[in-house]
Structure formats: structure tokens, C-alpha cells
């Protein structure tokens, strides 16, 4: 069963002129289980996921480049810090 055509998830706000720059890195396999806590809408060119694993949290960025999905992640950090960055990202204050 799919979502109705009119269904959309959360969209990140357009990037503000004054914004925090997120440091993205290539993912390193650290655990076999990652819990997706929240995510942006799949209709966007770039999607973001707030993830948790092993008592830490991080943001994952997914983009399709030349027909393949390219994944980058923020540093793994305490949940409160990752959630703060997630909120900034959604408000267009970080990218």
C-alpha cells in the first residue's frame, strides 16, 4: 500500500543567508541497527534523516547523483545536540 498522491512529509525550509554549515562525512559502518527517528519528504531532491544508534544520534543526507544514491552523515553525537542541529536544518538555519 502506498501513500496518497497528495501526501507529503516534512520539507526543510529554504536555506537562510546566515546559516550554520554542517560538516558531512562518508558513513562508516558502526552498527547493524540504525533507527530512523524522523525524515524529510521523499519528493525532494535531497532527503535528510535523523537517526539514532548505540545511544548516539546523527543526521544522514541522501542524494541521487548519476543514478545512484550518495549518502553522507554528520558526526555521531549525543541526541540533544543532533536534535538541535536537525531543528536548525528544518528551519533553513543549517545545511
C-alpha atoms as a PDB file:
ATOM      1  CA  UNK A   1       0.000   0.000   0.000  1.00  0.00           C
ATOM      2  CA  UNK A   2       1.435   3.404  -0.960  1.00  0.00           C
ATOM      3  CA  UNK A   3       0.762   6.908   0.244  1.00  0.00           C
ATOM      4  CA  UNK A   4      -1.974   9.004  -1.388  1.00  0.00           C
ATOM      5  CA  UNK A   5      -0.628  11.259  -4.161  1.00  0.00           C
ATOM      6  CA  UNK A   6      -1.343  14.364  -2.098  1.00  0.00           C
ATOM      7  CA  UNK A   7       0.687  13.062   0.885  1.00  0.00           C
ATOM      8  CA  UNK A   8       3.903  14.872   1.664  1.00  0.00           C
ATOM      9  CA  UNK A   9       6.309  14.653   4.546  1.00  0.00           C
ATOM     10  CA  UNK A  10       8.206  17.470   6.189  1.00  0.00           C
ATOM     11  CA  UNK A  11      10.076  19.832   3.874  1.00  0.00           C
ATOM     12  CA  UNK A  12      13.168  21.670   5.075  1.00  0.00           C
ATOM     13  CA  UNK A  13      12.795  25.445   4.784  1.00  0.00           C
ATOM     14  CA  UNK A  14      14.835  27.252   2.144  1.00  0.00           C
ATOM     15  CA  UNK A  15      18.376  27.953   3.256  1.00  0.00           C
ATOM     16  CA  UNK A  16      18.743  31.261   5.123  1.00  0.00           C
ATOM     17  CA  UNK A  17      21.502  33.672   4.110  1.00  0.00           C
ATOM     18  CA  UNK A  18      23.055  33.361   7.568  1.00  0.00           C
ATOM     19  CA  UNK A  19      23.251  29.647   8.291  1.00  0.00           C
ATOM     20  CA  UNK A  20      25.433  27.115  10.035  1.00  0.00           C
ATOM     21  CA  UNK A  21      27.472  24.909   7.758  1.00  0.00           C
ATOM     22  CA  UNK A  22      27.092  21.213   8.500  1.00  0.00           C
ATOM     23  CA  UNK A  23      30.192  19.073   8.179  1.00  0.00           C
ATOM     24  CA  UNK A  24      29.222  15.997   6.123  1.00  0.00           C
ATOM     25  CA  UNK A  25      31.327  12.829   6.003  1.00  0.00           C
ATOM     26  CA  UNK A  26      31.200   9.462   4.275  1.00  0.00           C
ATOM     27  CA  UNK A  27      29.401   6.959   6.556  1.00  0.00           C
ATOM     28  CA  UNK A  28      31.462   4.452   8.492  1.00  0.00           C
ATOM     29  CA  UNK A  29      29.743   1.134   9.365  1.00  0.00           C
ATOM     30  CA  UNK A  30      29.477   1.176  13.165  1.00  0.00           C
ATOM     31  CA  UNK A  31      26.428  -0.924  13.973  1.00  0.00           C
ATOM     32  CA  UNK A  32      23.994  -3.309  12.330  1.00  0.00           C
ATOM     33  CA  UNK A  33      20.935  -1.377  13.583  1.00  0.00           C
ATOM     34  CA  UNK A  34      20.068   2.252  12.963  1.00  0.00           C
ATOM     35  CA  UNK A  35      16.726   3.698  13.970  1.00  0.00           C
ATOM     36  CA  UNK A  36      15.244   6.410  11.774  1.00  0.00           C
ATOM     37  CA  UNK A  37      13.655   8.901  14.139  1.00  0.00           C
ATOM     38  CA  UNK A  38      12.441  11.458  11.582  1.00  0.00           C
ATOM     39  CA  UNK A  39      12.929  12.284   7.906  1.00  0.00           C
ATOM     40  CA  UNK A  40      12.144  14.864   5.264  1.00  0.00           C
ATOM     41  CA  UNK A  41       9.854  14.279   2.298  1.00  0.00           C
ATOM     42  CA  UNK A  42      10.962  11.868  -0.424  1.00  0.00           C
ATOM     43  CA  UNK A  43       9.669  14.250  -3.111  1.00  0.00           C
ATOM     44  CA  UNK A  44      12.695  16.495  -2.531  1.00  0.00           C
ATOM     45  CA  UNK A  45      15.939  16.183  -4.484  1.00  0.00           C
ATOM     46  CA  UNK A  46      17.885  15.831  -1.225  1.00  0.00           C
ATOM     47  CA  UNK A  47      16.434  13.951   1.736  1.00  0.00           C
ATOM     48  CA  UNK A  48      17.558  14.063   5.339  1.00  0.00           C
ATOM     49  CA  UNK A  49      17.048  11.572   8.165  1.00  0.00           C
ATOM     50  CA  UNK A  50      17.520  11.999  11.889  1.00  0.00           C
ATOM     51  CA  UNK A  51      18.938   8.659  13.052  1.00  0.00           C
ATOM     52  CA  UNK A  52      19.847   7.004  16.351  1.00  0.00           C
ATOM     53  CA  UNK A  53      22.139   4.080  17.106  1.00  0.00           C
ATOM     54  CA  UNK A  54      24.137   2.906  20.078  1.00  0.00           C
ATOM     55  CA  UNK A  55      22.938   5.734  22.319  1.00  0.00           C
ATOM     56  CA  UNK A  56      24.036   8.425  19.846  1.00  0.00           C
ATOM     57  CA  UNK A  57      22.275  10.380  17.103  1.00  0.00           C
ATOM     58  CA  UNK A  58      23.247  11.836  13.727  1.00  0.00           C
ATOM     59  CA  UNK A  59      21.758  13.223  10.514  1.00  0.00           C
ATOM     60  CA  UNK A  60      22.022  11.351   7.253  1.00  0.00           C
ATOM     61  CA  UNK A  61      21.840  13.128   3.866  1.00  0.00           C
ATOM     62  CA  UNK A  62      20.743  11.189   0.768  1.00  0.00           C
ATOM     63  CA  UNK A  63      21.114  12.498  -2.787  1.00  0.00           C
ATOM     64  CA  UNK A  64      20.783  10.815  -6.163  1.00  0.00           C
ATOM     65  CA  UNK A  65      23.789  11.575  -8.365  1.00  0.00           C
ATOM     66  CA  UNK A  66      24.197   9.988 -11.779  1.00  0.00           C
ATOM     67  CA  UNK A  67      21.589   7.334 -10.994  1.00  0.00           C
ATOM     68  CA  UNK A  68      22.945   6.228  -7.612  1.00  0.00           C
ATOM     69  CA  UNK A  69      22.187   7.219  -4.035  1.00  0.00           C
ATOM     70  CA  UNK A  70      25.034   9.056  -2.314  1.00  0.00           C
ATOM     71  CA  UNK A  71      24.914   9.073   1.488  1.00  0.00           C
ATOM     72  CA  UNK A  72      26.714  11.370   3.911  1.00  0.00           C
ATOM     73  CA  UNK A  73      26.364  11.721   7.671  1.00  0.00           C
ATOM     74  CA  UNK A  74      27.086  14.219  10.389  1.00  0.00           C
ATOM     75  CA  UNK A  75      29.222  13.237  13.342  1.00  0.00           C
ATOM     76  CA  UNK A  76      27.568  10.848  15.790  1.00  0.00           C
ATOM     77  CA  UNK A  77      26.851  12.818  18.941  1.00  0.00           C
ATOM     78  CA  UNK A  78      24.578  12.997  21.970  1.00  0.00           C
ATOM     79  CA  UNK A  79      20.921  13.040  20.983  1.00  0.00           C
ATOM     80  CA  UNK A  80      20.190  16.550  22.290  1.00  0.00           C
ATOM     81  CA  UNK A  81      22.917  18.029  20.089  1.00  0.00           C
ATOM     82  CA  UNK A  82      21.786  16.110  16.980  1.00  0.00           C
ATOM     83  CA  UNK A  83      18.146  17.132  17.548  1.00  0.00           C
ATOM     84  CA  UNK A  84      19.217  20.794  17.837  1.00  0.00           C
ATOM     85  CA  UNK A  85      21.055  20.510  14.503  1.00  0.00           C
ATOM     86  CA  UNK A  86      18.024  18.729  12.970  1.00  0.00           C
ATOM     87  CA  UNK A  87      15.766  21.607  14.015  1.00  0.00           C
ATOM     88  CA  UNK A  88      18.191  24.146  12.536  1.00  0.00           C
ATOM     89  CA  UNK A  89      18.283  22.150   9.283  1.00  0.00           C
ATOM     90  CA  UNK A  90      14.476  22.062   9.065  1.00  0.00           C
ATOM     91  CA  UNK A  91      14.284  25.826   9.675  1.00  0.00           C
ATOM     92  CA  UNK A  92      16.852  26.568   6.952  1.00  0.00           C
ATOM     93  CA  UNK A  93      19.432  27.715   9.508  1.00  0.00           C
ATOM     94  CA  UNK A  94      21.894  24.870   8.809  1.00  0.00           C
ATOM     95  CA  UNK A  95      22.868  22.843   5.767  1.00  0.00           C
END
